[in-house]
C-alpha atoms as a PDB file:
ATOM      1  CA  UNK A   1     129.896  90.647 101.365  1.00  0.00           C
ATOM      2  CA  UNK A   2     128.452  93.995 100.800  1.00  0.00           C
ATOM      3  CA  UNK A   3     129.637  96.895 102.443  1.00  0.00           C
ATOM      4  CA  UNK A   4     127.863  99.667 103.475  1.00  0.00           C
ATOM      5  CA  UNK A   5     129.767 103.210 104.634  1.00  0.00           C
ATOM      6  CA  UNK A   6     127.747 106.102 106.017  1.00  0.00           C
ATOM      7  CA  UNK A   7     129.401 109.607 106.220  1.00  0.00           C
ATOM      8  CA  UNK A   8     128.016 113.283 107.655  1.00  0.00           C
ATOM      9  CA  UNK A   9     127.407 112.923 111.463  1.00  0.00           C
ATOM     10  CA  UNK A  10     128.357 115.323 113.789  1.00  0.00           C
ATOM     11  CA  UNK A  11     127.349 117.760 116.288  1.00  0.00           C
ATOM     12  CA  UNK A  12     124.868 120.556 115.767  1.00  0.00           C
ATOM     13  CA  UNK A  13     122.505 122.558 117.612  1.00  0.00           C
ATOM     14  CA  UNK A  14     118.732 122.005 118.022  1.00  0.00           C
ATOM     15  CA  UNK A  15     117.175 123.289 114.753  1.00  0.00           C
ATOM     16  CA  UNK A  16     120.152 122.948 112.424  1.00  0.00           C
ATOM     17  CA  UNK A  17     120.547 120.563 109.582  1.00  0.00           C
ATOM     18  CA  UNK A  18     123.035 117.617 108.399  1.00  0.00           C
ATOM     19  CA  UNK A  19     123.008 115.167 105.609  1.00  0.00           C
ATOM     20  CA  UNK A  20     123.626 111.460 106.112  1.00  0.00           C
ATOM     21  CA  UNK A  21     125.523 109.942 103.058  1.00  0.00           C
ATOM     22  CA  UNK A  22     125.705 105.867 102.355  1.00  0.00           C
ATOM     23  CA  UNK A  23     127.524 104.138  99.651  1.00  0.00           C
ATOM     24  CA  UNK A  24     128.383 100.967  98.648  1.00  0.00           C
ATOM     25  CA  UNK A  25     130.347  99.254  95.703  1.00  0.00           C
ATOM     26  CA  UNK A  26     128.087  96.679  95.103  1.00  0.00           C
ATOM     27  CA  UNK A  27     127.162  96.084  91.321  1.00  0.00           C
ATOM     28  CA  UNK A  28     123.463  95.636  91.981  1.00  0.00           C
ATOM     29  CA  UNK A  29     122.560  98.424  94.506  1.00  0.00           C
ATOM     30  CA  UNK A  30     120.074  99.467  92.385  1.00  0.00           C
ATOM     31  CA  UNK A  31     117.907  96.184  93.286  1.00  0.00           C
ATOM     32  CA  UNK A  32     118.317  97.155  96.886  1.00  0.00           C
ATOM     33  CA  UNK A  33     115.435  98.527  99.220  1.00  0.00           C
ATOM     34  CA  UNK A  34     117.139 101.016 101.820  1.00  0.00           C
ATOM     35  CA  UNK A  35     116.893 102.455 104.940  1.00  0.00           C
ATOM     36  CA  UNK A  36     117.873 104.651 107.702  1.00  0.00           C
ATOM     37  CA  UNK A  37     117.623 103.161 111.713  1.00  0.00           C
ATOM     38  CA  UNK A  38     119.113 104.861 114.537  1.00  0.00           C
ATOM     39  CA  UNK A  39     120.269 103.587 118.179  1.00  0.00           C
ATOM     40  CA  UNK A  40     120.516 105.466 120.999  1.00  0.00           C
ATOM     41  CA  UNK A  41     122.268 104.266 124.384  1.00  0.00           C
ATOM     42  CA  UNK A  42     120.583 101.683 126.319  1.00  0.00           C
ATOM     43  CA  UNK A  43     117.945 101.520 123.353  1.00  0.00           C
ATOM     44  CA  UNK A  44     116.478  99.799 120.902  1.00  0.00           C
ATOM     45  CA  UNK A  45     117.034 100.148 117.395  1.00  0.00           C
ATOM     46  CA  UNK A  46     114.424 102.106 115.568  1.00  0.00           C
ATOM     47  CA  UNK A  47     113.481 102.746 111.854  1.00  0.00           C
ATOM     48  CA  UNK A  48     114.168 106.276 110.613  1.00  0.00           C
ATOM     49  CA  UNK A  49     113.160 106.138 106.844  1.00  0.00           C
ATOM     50  CA  UNK A  50     113.195 103.788 103.995  1.00  0.00           C
ATOM     51  CA  UNK A  51     112.929 104.125 100.226  1.00  0.00           C
ATOM     52  CA  UNK A  52     112.226 101.259  97.541  1.00  0.00           C
ATOM     53  CA  UNK A  53     115.109 100.002  94.870  1.00  0.00           C
ATOM     54  CA  UNK A  54     113.644 103.045  92.235  1.00  0.00           C
ATOM     55  CA  UNK A  55     113.135 105.919  94.853  1.00  0.00           C
ATOM     56  CA  UNK A  56     109.486 105.850  93.936  1.00  0.00           C
ATOM     57  CA  UNK A  57     108.249 104.924  97.690  1.00  0.00           C
ATOM     58  CA  UNK A  58     109.312 106.398 100.652  1.00  0.00           C
ATOM     59  CA  UNK A  59     108.185 105.604 104.435  1.00  0.00           C
ATOM     60  CA  UNK A  60     109.235 107.449 107.648  1.00  0.00           C
ATOM     61  CA  UNK A  61     108.982 107.087 111.243  1.00  0.00           C
ATOM     62  CA  UNK A  62     106.217 109.524 112.657  1.00  0.00           C
ATOM     63  CA  UNK A  63     109.013 110.987 114.691  1.00  0.00           C
ATOM     64  CA  UNK A  64     110.625 112.265 111.849  1.00  0.00           C
ATOM     65  CA  UNK A  65     108.180 112.785 109.246  1.00  0.00           C
ATOM     66  CA  UNK A  66     107.930 116.319 107.789  1.00  0.00           C
ATOM     67  CA  UNK A  67     111.530 116.643 108.988  1.00  0.00           C
ATOM     68  CA  UNK A  68     113.697 114.309 107.285  1.00  0.00           C
ATOM     69  CA  UNK A  69     113.883 113.088 103.657  1.00  0.00           C
ATOM     70  CA  UNK A  70     115.553 110.010 102.343  1.00  0.00           C
ATOM     71  CA  UNK A  71     116.707 110.076  98.605  1.00  0.00           C
ATOM     72  CA  UNK A  72     118.962 107.852  96.956  1.00  0.00           C
ATOM     73  CA  UNK A  73     120.998 108.385  93.269  1.00  0.00           C
ATOM     74  CA  UNK A  74     121.473 104.755  91.800  1.00  0.00           C
ATOM     75  CA  UNK A  75     123.853 106.079  89.235  1.00  0.00           C
ATOM     76  CA  UNK A  76     126.100 106.687  91.855  1.00  0.00           C
ATOM     77  CA  UNK A  77     125.408 104.072  94.271  1.00  0.00           C
ATOM     78  CA  UNK A  78     124.323 106.118  97.064  1.00  0.00           C
ATOM     79  CA  UNK A  79     121.369 107.032  99.435  1.00  0.00           C
ATOM     80  CA  UNK A  80     121.201 109.760 101.252  1.00  0.00           C
ATOM     81  CA  UNK A  81     118.929 111.325 104.630  1.00  0.00           C
ATOM     82  CA  UNK A  82     118.366 115.042 104.921  1.00  0.00           C
ATOM     83  CA  UNK A  83     117.516 115.624 108.351  1.00  0.00           C
ATOM     84  CA  UNK A  84     116.171 119.440 109.083  1.00  0.00           C
ATOM     85  CA  UNK A  85     114.860 121.221 112.524  1.00  0.00           C
ATOM     86  CA  UNK A  86     116.912 118.606 114.050  1.00  0.00           C
ATOM     87  CA  UNK A  87     116.135 118.114 117.905  1.00  0.00           C
ATOM     88  CA  UNK A  88     117.866 116.910 120.966  1.00  0.00           C
ATOM     89  CA  UNK A  89     115.752 113.309 120.677  1.00  0.00           C
ATOM     90  CA  UNK A  90     117.578 112.438 117.258  1.00  0.00           C
ATOM     91  CA  UNK A  91     120.763 112.243 119.136  1.00  0.00           C
ATOM     92  CA  UNK A  92     121.813 108.617 118.152  1.00  0.00           C
ATOM     93  CA  UNK A  93     123.963 106.363 115.930  1.00  0.00           C
ATOM     94  CA  UNK A  94     122.629 106.408 112.621  1.00  0.00           C
ATOM     95  CA  UNK A  95     122.875 103.503 110.603  1.00  0.00           C
ATOM     96  CA  UNK A  96     122.363 102.731 106.934  1.00  0.00           C
ATOM     97  CA  UNK A  97     120.707  99.333 105.504  1.00  0.00           C
ATOM     98  CA  UNK A  98     119.644  97.505 102.658  1.00  0.00           C
ATOM     99  CA  UNK A  99     118.613  94.402 101.305  1.00  0.00           C
ATOM    100  CA  UNK A 100     117.815  92.628  98.078  1.00  0.00           C
ATOM    101  CA  UNK A 101     114.246  93.502  97.122  1.00  0.00           C
ATOM    102  CA  UNK A 102     113.111  95.062  93.535  1.00  0.00           C
ATOM    103  CA  UNK A 103     109.633  95.899  94.112  1.00  0.00           C
ATOM    104  CA  UNK A 104     107.887  99.235  95.290  1.00  0.00           C
ATOM    105  CA  UNK A 105     107.716  98.566  99.058  1.00  0.00           C
ATOM    106  CA  UNK A 106     109.745  99.255 101.945  1.00  0.00           C
ATOM    107  CA  UNK A 107     110.254  97.559 105.523  1.00  0.00           C
ATOM    108  CA  UNK A 108     110.446  98.828 108.446  1.00  0.00           C
ATOM    109  CA  UNK A 109     111.723  96.606 110.982  1.00  0.00           C
ATOM    110  CA  UNK A 110     115.465  95.666 111.232  1.00  0.00           C
ATOM    111  CA  UNK A 111     115.411  91.834 110.769  1.00  0.00           C
ATOM    112  CA  UNK A 112     114.242  92.492 107.475  1.00  0.00           C
ATOM    113  CA  UNK A 113     117.850  93.849 106.243  1.00  0.00           C
ATOM    114  CA  UNK A 114     120.604  92.057 105.660  1.00  0.00           C
ATOM    115  CA  UNK A 115     123.758  94.767 104.845  1.00  0.00           C
ATOM    116  CA  UNK A 116     124.509  97.161 107.334  1.00  0.00           C
ATOM    117  CA  UNK A 117     126.809 100.223 108.039  1.00  0.00           C
ATOM    118  CA  UNK A 118     129.079 100.929 110.740  1.00  0.00           C
ATOM    119  CA  UNK A 119     127.407 103.726 111.991  1.00  0.00           C
ATOM    120  CA  UNK A 120     127.408 107.348 112.093  1.00  0.00           C
ATOM    121  CA  UNK A 121     127.031 109.598 115.234  1.00  0.00           C
ATOM    122  CA  UNK A 122     124.245 112.104 115.272  1.00  0.00           C
ATOM    123  CA  UNK A 123     124.326 114.549 118.307  1.00  0.00           C
ATOM    124  CA  UNK A 124     121.969 117.672 118.870  1.00  0.00           C
ATOM    125  CA  UNK A 125     122.389 119.795 121.575  1.00  0.00           C
ATOM    126  CA  UNK A 126     119.854 121.859 123.427  1.00  0.00           C
END
């Protein structure tokens, strides 16, 4: 079973930044498509950002485009989400997700992913 672990969540004020990180011990991490999802209480899990196995392709939700950046380091088996200009609407539990897919594509629906982290809380005050 592949385990993913997220870190970096916290409480910040609107306009500030946070960087989330996700790591795994999987020996084939470099073959994974990776993504970040978030879920607020009472709401559906929503796609935030995703990145292909090589890092050559990235996809962002319209709500975070130009503010968030997803990147990965396959040598360290980590993926990160740099979040700038945070807004109260960004408050949610953020999850790291992955699946085997060695192609220059990024899926945006949570049902396409099979490996998940435990989540990390991000709270943005106004």
